[in-house]
PDB file of N, CA and C in Angstrom:
ATOM      1  N   MET A   1     -70.679   5.629 129.573  1.00  0.00           N
ATOM      2  CA  MET A   1     -69.593   6.425 129.045  1.00  0.00           C
ATOM      3  C   MET A   1     -68.237   5.938 129.566  1.00  0.00           C
ATOM      4  N   ALA A   2     -68.178   5.580 130.847  1.00  0.00           N
ATOM      5  CA  ALA A   2     -66.924   5.111 131.439  1.00  0.00           C
ATOM      6  C   ALA A   2     -66.513   3.775 130.818  1.00  0.00           C
ATOM      7  N   LYS A   3     -67.489   2.947 130.518  1.00  0.00           N
ATOM      8  CA  LYS A   3     -67.181   1.641 129.914  1.00  0.00           C
ATOM      9  C   LYS A   3     -66.579   1.838 128.519  1.00  0.00           C
ATOM     10  N   ALA A   4     -67.115   2.774 127.760  1.00  0.00           N
ATOM     11  CA  ALA A   4     -66.594   3.057 126.417  1.00  0.00           C
ATOM     12  C   ALA A   4     -65.173   3.615 126.500  1.00  0.00           C
ATOM     13  N   ARG A   5     -64.911   4.482 127.470  1.00  0.00           N
ATOM     14  CA  ARG A   5     -63.578   5.059 127.636  1.00  0.00           C
ATOM     15  C   ARG A   5     -62.566   3.966 128.009  1.00  0.00           C
ATOM     16  N   ARG A   6     -62.965   3.060 128.889  1.00  0.00           N
ATOM     17  CA  ARG A   6     -62.095   1.953 129.303  1.00  0.00           C
ATOM     18  C   ARG A   6     -61.809   1.033 128.119  1.00  0.00           C
ATOM     19  N   SER A   7     -62.815   0.758 127.322  1.00  0.00           N
ATOM     20  CA  SER A   7     -62.653  -0.090 126.143  1.00  0.00           C
ATOM     21  C   SER A   7     -61.721   0.581 125.124  1.00  0.00           C
ATOM     22  N   PHE A   8     -61.863   1.899 124.954  1.00  0.00           N
ATOM     23  CA  PHE A   8     -61.006   2.650 124.045  1.00  0.00           C
ATOM     24  C   PHE A   8     -59.547   2.622 124.529  1.00  0.00           C
ATOM     25  N   ALA A   9     -59.334   2.825 125.809  1.00  0.00           N
ATOM     26  CA  ALA A   9     -57.974   2.803 126.370  1.00  0.00           C
ATOM     27  C   ALA A   9     -57.348   1.420 126.186  1.00  0.00           C
ATOM     28  N   PHE A  10     -58.139   0.376 126.387  1.00  0.00           N
ATOM     29  CA  PHE A  10     -57.631  -0.986 126.203  1.00  0.00           C
ATOM     30  C   PHE A  10     -57.236  -1.219 124.742  1.00  0.00           C
ATOM     31  N   SER A  11     -58.048  -0.750 123.805  1.00  0.00           N
ATOM     32  CA  SER A  11     -57.759  -0.914 122.382  1.00  0.00           C
ATOM     33  C   SER A  11     -56.494  -0.164 121.984  1.00  0.00           C
ATOM     34  N   ILE A  12     -56.346   1.057 122.485  1.00  0.00           N
ATOM     35  CA  ILE A  12     -55.137   1.840 122.194  1.00  0.00           C
ATOM     36  C   ILE A  12     -53.905   1.147 122.773  1.00  0.00           C
ATOM     37  N   GLY A  13     -54.016   0.581 123.961  1.00  0.00           N
ATOM     38  CA  GLY A  13     -52.896  -0.145 124.573  1.00  0.00           C
ATOM     39  C   GLY A  13     -52.457  -1.330 123.731  1.00  0.00           C
ATOM     40  N   ILE A  14     -53.418  -2.093 123.237  1.00  0.00           N
ATOM     41  CA  ILE A  14     -53.112  -3.244 122.373  1.00  0.00           C
ATOM     42  C   ILE A  14     -52.461  -2.759 121.086  1.00  0.00           C
ATOM     43  N   LEU A  15     -52.951  -1.673 120.514  1.00  0.00           N
ATOM     44  CA  LEU A  15     -52.392  -1.109 119.294  1.00  0.00           C
ATOM     45  C   LEU A  15     -50.932  -0.678 119.507  1.00  0.00           C
ATOM     46  N   LEU A  16     -50.656  -0.016 120.614  1.00  0.00           N
ATOM     47  CA  LEU A  16     -49.288   0.414 120.921  1.00  0.00           C
ATOM     48  C   LEU A  16     -48.354  -0.782 121.125  1.00  0.00           C
ATOM     49  N   LEU A  17     -48.838  -1.823 121.785  1.00  0.00           N
ATOM     50  CA  LEU A  17     -48.025  -3.039 121.937  1.00  0.00           C
ATOM     51  C   LEU A  17     -47.702  -3.651 120.571  1.00  0.00           C
ATOM     52  N   GLY A  18     -48.643  -3.632 119.664  1.00  0.00           N
ATOM     53  CA  GLY A  18     -48.407  -4.158 118.318  1.00  0.00           C
ATOM     54  C   GLY A  18     -47.347  -3.355 117.583  1.00  0.00           C
ATOM     55  N   PHE A  19     -47.416  -2.013 117.677  1.00  0.00           N
ATOM     56  CA  PHE A  19     -46.410  -1.168 117.038  1.00  0.00           C
ATOM     57  C   PHE A  19     -45.023  -1.407 117.636  1.00  0.00           C
ATOM     58  N   MET A  20     -44.961  -1.577 118.943  1.00  0.00           N
ATOM     59  CA  MET A  20     -43.668  -1.843 119.585  1.00  0.00           C
ATOM     60  C   MET A  20     -43.104  -3.189 119.127  1.00  0.00           C
ATOM     61  N   ALA A  21     -43.946  -4.181 118.966  1.00  0.00           N
ATOM     62  CA  ALA A  21     -43.486  -5.494 118.499  1.00  0.00           C
ATOM     63  C   ALA A  21     -42.949  -5.403 117.063  1.00  0.00           C
ATOM     64  N   ILE A  22     -43.621  -4.644 116.226  1.00  0.00           N
ATOM     65  CA  ILE A  22     -43.152  -4.480 114.848  1.00  0.00           C
ATOM     66  C   ILE A  22     -41.821  -3.744 114.821  1.00  0.00           C
ATOM     67  N   ALA A  23     -41.689  -2.681 115.613  1.00  0.00           N
ATOM     68  CA  ALA A  23     -40.428  -1.939 115.672  1.00  0.00           C
ATOM     69  C   ALA A  23     -39.298  -2.832 116.173  1.00  0.00           C
ATOM     70  N   PHE A  24     -39.552  -3.632 117.191  1.00  0.00           N
ATOM     71  CA  PHE A  24     -38.536  -4.555 117.702  1.00  0.00           C
ATOM     72  C   PHE A  24     -38.113  -5.553 116.629  1.00  0.00           C
ATOM     73  N   ALA A  25     -39.065  -6.089 115.880  1.00  0.00           N
ATOM     74  CA  ALA A  25     -38.749  -7.065 114.835  1.00  0.00           C
ATOM     75  C   ALA A  25     -37.899  -6.429 113.731  1.00  0.00           C
ATOM     76  N   LEU A  26     -38.210  -5.189 113.356  1.00  0.00           N
ATOM     77  CA  LEU A  26     -37.427  -4.518 112.315  1.00  0.00           C
ATOM     78  C   LEU A  26     -35.999  -4.252 112.769  1.00  0.00           C
ATOM     79  N   VAL A  27     -35.828  -3.765 113.981  1.00  0.00           N
ATOM     80  CA  VAL A  27     -34.481  -3.496 114.508  1.00  0.00           C
ATOM     81  C   VAL A  27     -33.691  -4.799 114.617  1.00  0.00           C
ATOM     82  N   TYR A  28     -34.330  -5.848 115.073  1.00  0.00           N
ATOM     83  CA  TYR A  28     -33.664  -7.148 115.195  1.00  0.00           C
ATOM     84  C   TYR A  28     -33.173  -7.639 113.835  1.00  0.00           C
ATOM     85  N   ARG A  29     -33.994  -7.537 112.821  1.00  0.00           N
ATOM     86  CA  ARG A  29     -33.595  -8.017 111.494  1.00  0.00           C
ATOM     87  C   ARG A  29     -32.466  -7.194 110.907  1.00  0.00           C
ATOM     88  N   VAL A  30     -32.492  -5.892 111.109  1.00  0.00           N
ATOM     89  CA  VAL A  30     -31.426  -5.038 110.580  1.00  0.00           C
ATOM     90  C   VAL A  30     -30.100  -5.379 111.249  1.00  0.00           C
ATOM     91  N   LEU A  31     -30.104  -5.561 112.555  1.00  0.00           N
ATOM     92  CA  LEU A  31     -28.868  -5.854 113.276  1.00  0.00           C
ATOM     93  C   LEU A  31     -28.385  -7.280 113.020  1.00  0.00           C
ATOM     94  N   ARG A  32     -29.293  -8.202 112.842  1.00  0.00           N
ATOM     95  CA  ARG A  32     -28.927  -9.600 112.622  1.00  0.00           C
ATOM     96  C   ARG A  32     -28.292  -9.808 111.254  1.00  0.00           C
ATOM     97  N   ASP A  33     -28.750  -9.081 110.250  1.00  0.00           N
ATOM     98  CA  ASP A  33     -28.285  -9.294 108.880  1.00  0.00           C
ATOM     99  C   ASP A  33     -27.002  -8.554 108.547  1.00  0.00           C
ATOM    100  N   ARG A  34     -26.475  -7.757 109.477  1.00  0.00           N
ATOM    101  CA  ARG A  34     -25.240  -7.019 109.207  1.00  0.00           C
ATOM    102  C   ARG A  34     -24.067  -8.003 109.182  1.00  0.00           C
ATOM    103  N   PRO A  35     -23.236  -7.958 108.133  1.00  0.00           N
ATOM    104  CA  PRO A  35     -22.109  -8.901 108.064  1.00  0.00           C
ATOM    105  C   PRO A  35     -21.052  -8.575 109.127  1.00  0.00           C
ATOM    106  N   ALA A  36     -20.407  -9.605 109.602  1.00  0.00           N
ATOM    107  CA  ALA A  36     -19.344  -9.430 110.591  1.00  0.00           C
ATOM    108  C   ALA A  36     -18.131  -8.770 109.927  1.00  0.00           C
ATOM    109  N   PRO A  37     -17.415  -7.910 110.651  1.00  0.00           N
ATOM    110  CA  PRO A  37     -16.235  -7.271 110.056  1.00  0.00           C
ATOM    111  C   PRO A  37     -15.136  -8.302 109.805  1.00  0.00           C
ATOM    112  N   THR A  38     -14.364  -8.076 108.737  1.00  0.00           N
ATOM    113  CA  THR A  38     -13.264  -8.988 108.454  1.00  0.00           C
ATOM    114  C   THR A  38     -12.063  -8.616 109.317  1.00  0.00           C
ATOM    115  N   ILE A  39     -11.398  -9.623 109.811  1.00  0.00           N
ATOM    116  CA  ILE A  39     -10.218  -9.425 110.656  1.00  0.00           C
ATOM    117  C   ILE A  39      -9.090 -10.256 110.057  1.00  0.00           C
ATOM    118  N   ALA A  40      -7.927  -9.621 109.907  1.00  0.00           N
ATOM    119  CA  ALA A  40      -6.770 -10.310 109.336  1.00  0.00           C
ATOM    120  C   ALA A  40      -6.424 -11.539 110.181  1.00  0.00           C
ATOM    121  N   ALA A  41      -6.070 -12.625 109.510  1.00  0.00           N
ATOM    122  CA  ALA A  41      -5.733 -13.865 110.207  1.00  0.00           C
ATOM    123  C   ALA A  41      -4.373 -13.781 110.889  1.00  0.00           C
ATOM    124  N   GLU A  42      -3.456 -13.016 110.304  1.00  0.00           N
ATOM    125  CA  GLU A  42      -2.116 -12.903 110.895  1.00  0.00           C
ATOM    126  C   GLU A  42      -1.485 -11.574 110.517  1.00  0.00           C
ATOM    127  N   VAL A  43      -0.556 -11.156 111.339  1.00  0.00           N
ATOM    128  CA  VAL A  43       0.240  -9.955 111.071  1.00  0.00           C
ATOM    129  C   VAL A  43       1.710 -10.355 111.204  1.00  0.00           C
ATOM    130  N   SER A  44       2.584  -9.609 110.561  1.00  0.00           N
ATOM    131  CA  SER A  44       4.000  -9.987 110.607  1.00  0.00           C
ATOM    132  C   SER A  44       4.759  -9.091 111.574  1.00  0.00           C
ATOM    133  N   LEU A  45       5.552  -9.734 112.418  1.00  0.00           N
ATOM    134  CA  LEU A  45       6.423  -9.065 113.381  1.00  0.00           C
ATOM    135  C   LEU A  45       7.855  -9.501 113.123  1.00  0.00           C
ATOM    136  N   PRO A  46       8.838  -8.722 113.582  1.00  0.00           N
ATOM    137  CA  PRO A  46      10.228  -9.125 113.397  1.00  0.00           C
ATOM    138  C   PRO A  46      10.525 -10.452 114.114  1.00  0.00           C
ATOM    139  N   ALA A  47      11.515 -11.170 113.596  1.00  0.00           N
ATOM    140  CA  ALA A  47      11.908 -12.444 114.213  1.00  0.00           C
ATOM    141  C   ALA A  47      12.400 -12.186 115.631  1.00  0.00           C
ATOM    142  N   GLY A  48      12.007 -13.030 116.558  1.00  0.00           N
ATOM    143  CA  GLY A  48      12.432 -12.914 117.943  1.00  0.00           C
ATOM    144  C   GLY A  48      11.611 -11.937 118.762  1.00  0.00           C
ATOM    145  N   ALA A  49      10.535 -11.407 118.210  1.00  0.00           N
ATOM    146  CA  ALA A  49       9.692 -10.452 118.932  1.00  0.00           C
ATOM    147  C   ALA A  49       8.849 -11.179 119.970  1.00  0.00           C
ATOM    148  N   GLU A  50       8.753 -10.584 121.168  1.00  0.00           N
ATOM    149  CA  GLU A  50       7.921 -11.134 122.237  1.00  0.00           C
ATOM    150  C   GLU A  50       6.699 -10.234 122.379  1.00  0.00           C
ATOM    151  N   VAL A  51       5.522 -10.778 122.111  1.00  0.00           N
ATOM    152  CA  VAL A  51       4.287  -9.999 122.141  1.00  0.00           C
ATOM    153  C   VAL A  51       3.868  -9.762 123.588  1.00  0.00           C
ATOM    154  N   ILE A  52       3.660  -8.478 123.919  1.00  0.00           N
ATOM    155  CA  ILE A  52       3.194  -8.106 125.253  1.00  0.00           C
ATOM    156  C   ILE A  52       1.674  -8.033 125.271  1.00  0.00           C
ATOM    157  N   SER A  53       1.112  -7.392 124.257  1.00  0.00           N
ATOM    158  CA  SER A  53      -0.350  -7.329 124.170  1.00  0.00           C
ATOM    159  C   SER A  53      -0.763  -7.120 122.720  1.00  0.00           C
ATOM    160  N   ALA A  54      -1.994  -7.521 122.435  1.00  0.00           N
ATOM    161  CA  ALA A  54      -2.587  -7.310 121.118  1.00  0.00           C
ATOM    162  C   ALA A  54      -4.064  -7.050 121.327  1.00  0.00           C
ATOM    163  N   LEU A  55      -4.569  -5.996 120.693  1.00  0.00           N
ATOM    164  CA  LEU A  55      -5.989  -5.707 120.818  1.00  0.00           C
ATOM    165  C   LEU A  55      -6.527  -5.079 119.552  1.00  0.00           C
ATOM    166  N   LEU A  56      -7.832  -5.190 119.400  1.00  0.00           N
ATOM    167  CA  LEU A  56      -8.533  -4.683 118.234  1.00  0.00           C
ATOM    168  C   LEU A  56      -9.264  -3.413 118.642  1.00  0.00           C
ATOM    169  N   SER A  57      -9.012  -2.306 117.915  1.00  0.00           N
ATOM    170  CA  SER A  57      -9.617  -1.034 118.289  1.00  0.00           C
ATOM    171  C   SER A  57      -9.783  -0.149 117.061  1.00  0.00           C
ATOM    172  N   ASP A  58     -10.990   0.322 116.831  1.00  0.00           N
ATOM    173  CA  ASP A  58     -11.289   1.285 115.758  1.00  0.00           C
ATOM    174  C   ASP A  58     -10.740   0.878 114.389  1.00  0.00           C
ATOM    175  N   GLY A  59     -10.929  -0.363 114.007  1.00  0.00           N
ATOM    176  CA  GLY A  59     -10.495  -0.812 112.693  1.00  0.00           C
ATOM    177  C   GLY A  59      -9.008  -1.087 112.585  1.00  0.00           C
ATOM    178  N   GLN A  60      -8.306  -1.118 113.718  1.00  0.00           N
ATOM    179  CA  GLN A  60      -6.875  -1.402 113.711  1.00  0.00           C
ATOM    180  C   GLN A  60      -6.562  -2.507 114.710  1.00  0.00           C
ATOM    181  N   ILE A  61      -5.491  -3.215 114.417  1.00  0.00           N
ATOM    182  CA  ILE A  61      -4.955  -4.196 115.356  1.00  0.00           C
ATOM    183  C   ILE A  61      -3.719  -3.559 115.961  1.00  0.00           C
ATOM    184  N   ASN A  62      -3.726  -3.383 117.279  1.00  0.00           N
ATOM    185  CA  ASN A  62      -2.601  -2.764 117.991  1.00  0.00           C
ATOM    186  C   ASN A  62      -1.805  -3.856 118.688  1.00  0.00           C
ATOM    187  N   VAL A  63      -0.534  -3.980 118.333  1.00  0.00           N
ATOM    188  CA  VAL A  63       0.324  -5.017 118.910  1.00  0.00           C
ATOM    189  C   VAL A  63       1.513  -4.343 119.594  1.00  0.00           C
ATOM    190  N   THR A  64       1.655  -4.593 120.886  1.00  0.00           N
ATOM    191  CA  THR A  64       2.812  -4.106 121.631  1.00  0.00           C
ATOM    192  C   THR A  64       3.754  -5.296 121.803  1.00  0.00           C
ATOM    193  N   TYR A  65       5.019  -5.091 121.440  1.00  0.00           N
ATOM    194  CA  TYR A  65       5.976  -6.186 121.519  1.00  0.00           C
ATOM    195  C   TYR A  65       7.355  -5.651 121.882  1.00  0.00           C
ATOM    196  N   VAL A  66       8.228  -6.578 122.301  1.00  0.00           N
ATOM    197  CA  VAL A  66       9.608  -6.248 122.650  1.00  0.00           C
ATOM    198  C   VAL A  66      10.523  -7.042 121.727  1.00  0.00           C
ATOM    199  N   VAL A  67      11.479  -6.357 121.129  1.00  0.00           N
ATOM    200  CA  VAL A  67      12.489  -7.011 120.315  1.00  0.00           C
ATOM    201  C   VAL A  67      13.824  -6.323 120.606  1.00  0.00           C
ATOM    202  N   ASP A  68      14.824  -7.102 120.940  1.00  0.00           N
ATOM    203  CA  ASP A  68      16.167  -6.601 121.287  1.00  0.00           C
ATOM    204  C   ASP A  68      16.123  -5.571 122.417  1.00  0.00           C
ATOM    205  N   GLY A  69      15.228  -5.772 123.388  1.00  0.00           N
ATOM    206  CA  GLY A  69      15.137  -4.874 124.538  1.00  0.00           C
ATOM    207  C   GLY A  69      14.402  -3.578 124.278  1.00  0.00           C
ATOM    208  N   VAL A  70      13.857  -3.393 123.097  1.00  0.00           N
ATOM    209  CA  VAL A  70      13.135  -2.167 122.745  1.00  0.00           C
ATOM    210  C   VAL A  70      11.641  -2.498 122.648  1.00  0.00           C
ATOM    211  N   THR A  71      10.826  -1.732 123.377  1.00  0.00           N
ATOM    212  CA  THR A  71       9.373  -1.923 123.333  1.00  0.00           C
ATOM    213  C   THR A  71       8.795  -1.091 122.202  1.00  0.00           C
ATOM    214  N   ARG A  72       7.979  -1.736 121.372  1.00  0.00           N
ATOM    215  CA  ARG A  72       7.399  -1.066 120.211  1.00  0.00           C
ATOM    216  C   ARG A  72       5.896  -1.314 120.158  1.00  0.00           C
ATOM    217  N   LEU A  73       5.211  -0.386 119.531  1.00  0.00           N
ATOM    218  CA  LEU A  73       3.777  -0.517 119.271  1.00  0.00           C
ATOM    219  C   LEU A  73       3.601  -0.486 117.763  1.00  0.00           C
ATOM    220  N   ALA A  74       3.034  -1.541 117.215  1.00  0.00           N
ATOM    221  CA  ALA A  74       2.773  -1.616 115.771  1.00  0.00           C
ATOM    222  C   ALA A  74       1.268  -1.558 115.550  1.00  0.00           C
ATOM    223  N   LEU A  75       0.844  -0.748 114.581  1.00  0.00           N
ATOM    224  CA  LEU A  75      -0.561  -0.620 114.218  1.00  0.00           C
ATOM    225  C   LEU A  75      -0.765  -1.254 112.848  1.00  0.00           C
ATOM    226  N   PHE A  76      -1.704  -2.179 112.770  1.00  0.00           N
ATOM    227  CA  PHE A  76      -1.991  -2.908 111.538  1.00  0.00           C
ATOM    228  C   PHE A  76      -3.424  -2.639 111.115  1.00  0.00           C
ATOM    229  N   ASP A  77      -3.670  -2.647 109.803  1.00  0.00           N
ATOM    230  CA  ASP A  77      -5.021  -2.528 109.274  1.00  0.00           C
ATOM    231  C   ASP A  77      -5.798  -3.787 109.632  1.00  0.00           C
ATOM    232  N   GLN A  78      -7.026  -3.619 110.115  1.00  0.00           N
ATOM    233  CA  GLN A  78      -7.829  -4.755 110.568  1.00  0.00           C
ATOM    234  C   GLN A  78      -8.160  -5.730 109.447  1.00  0.00           C
ATOM    235  N   GLY A  79      -8.459  -5.233 108.264  1.00  0.00           N
ATOM    236  CA  GLY A  79      -8.885  -6.102 107.170  1.00  0.00           C
ATOM    237  C   GLY A  79      -7.751  -6.806 106.460  1.00  0.00           C
ATOM    238  N   SER A  80      -6.668  -6.055 106.157  1.00  0.00           N
ATOM    239  CA  SER A  80      -5.599  -6.631 105.341  1.00  0.00           C
ATOM    240  C   SER A  80      -4.427  -7.160 106.165  1.00  0.00           C
ATOM    241  N   GLY A  81      -4.226  -6.641 107.372  1.00  0.00           N
ATOM    242  CA  GLY A  81      -3.082  -7.057 108.181  1.00  0.00           C
ATOM    243  C   GLY A  81      -1.812  -6.300 107.848  1.00  0.00           C
ATOM    244  N   GLU A  82      -1.905  -5.277 106.995  1.00  0.00           N
ATOM    245  CA  GLU A  82      -0.723  -4.472 106.644  1.00  0.00           C
ATOM    246  C   GLU A  82      -0.353  -3.538 107.788  1.00  0.00           C
ATOM    247  N   LYS A  83       0.959  -3.377 108.005  1.00  0.00           N
ATOM    248  CA  LYS A  83       1.426  -2.449 109.039  1.00  0.00           C
ATOM    249  C   LYS A  83       1.222  -1.030 108.530  1.00  0.00           C
ATOM    250  N   THR A  84       0.523  -0.207 109.321  1.00  0.00           N
ATOM    251  CA  THR A  84       0.291   1.180 108.936  1.00  0.00           C
ATOM    252  C   THR A  84       1.193   2.144 109.684  1.00  0.00           C
ATOM    253  N   ARG A  85       1.646   1.751 110.871  1.00  0.00           N
ATOM    254  CA  ARG A  85       2.482   2.649 111.657  1.00  0.00           C
ATOM    255  C   ARG A  85       3.187   1.848 112.752  1.00  0.00           C
ATOM    256  N   GLU A  86       4.372   2.334 113.139  1.00  0.00           N
ATOM    257  CA  GLU A  86       5.094   1.690 114.238  1.00  0.00           C
ATOM    258  C   GLU A  86       5.733   2.781 115.105  1.00  0.00           C
ATOM    259  N   LEU A  87       5.600   2.625 116.405  1.00  0.00           N
ATOM    260  CA  LEU A  87       6.125   3.595 117.363  1.00  0.00           C
ATOM    261  C   LEU A  87       7.067   2.906 118.335  1.00  0.00           C
ATOM    262  N   VAL A  88       8.153   3.577 118.694  1.00  0.00           N
ATOM    263  CA  VAL A  88       9.067   3.073 119.721  1.00  0.00           C
ATOM    264  C   VAL A  88       8.575   3.639 121.052  1.00  0.00           C
ATOM    265  N   LEU A  89       8.244   2.763 122.007  1.00  0.00           N
ATOM    266  CA  LEU A  89       7.726   3.214 123.290  1.00  0.00           C
ATOM    267  C   LEU A  89       8.818   3.355 124.345  1.00  0.00           C
ATOM    268  N   GLY A  90       9.845   2.536 124.304  1.00  0.00           N
ATOM    269  CA  GLY A  90      10.914   2.621 125.293  1.00  0.00           C
ATOM    270  C   GLY A  90      12.028   1.676 124.976  1.00  0.00           C
ATOM    271  N   GLU A  91      13.175   1.991 125.544  1.00  0.00           N
ATOM    272  CA  GLU A  91      14.347   1.144 125.294  1.00  0.00           C
ATOM    273  C   GLU A  91      14.814   0.498 126.566  1.00  0.00           C
TER     274      GLU A  91
END
């Protein structure tokens, strides 16, 4: 009886490993086939602007820059590069 129980436990273990391998393969394929997000190649800033920082966050490109002594934050759409909003941070 103990031998049969051990054999059954071994079979169930192999079965569970097989299910885990199939689940891993499915998740891998779904994540691998997802297309990369499009990112605008360039954004337009005023002439003479000095870029302090630029980062990509939540579908937007955030650019902090200084022009004529005024620090500004410009928010651009990630896909098209269009300016959606601009804030004056300090003078």
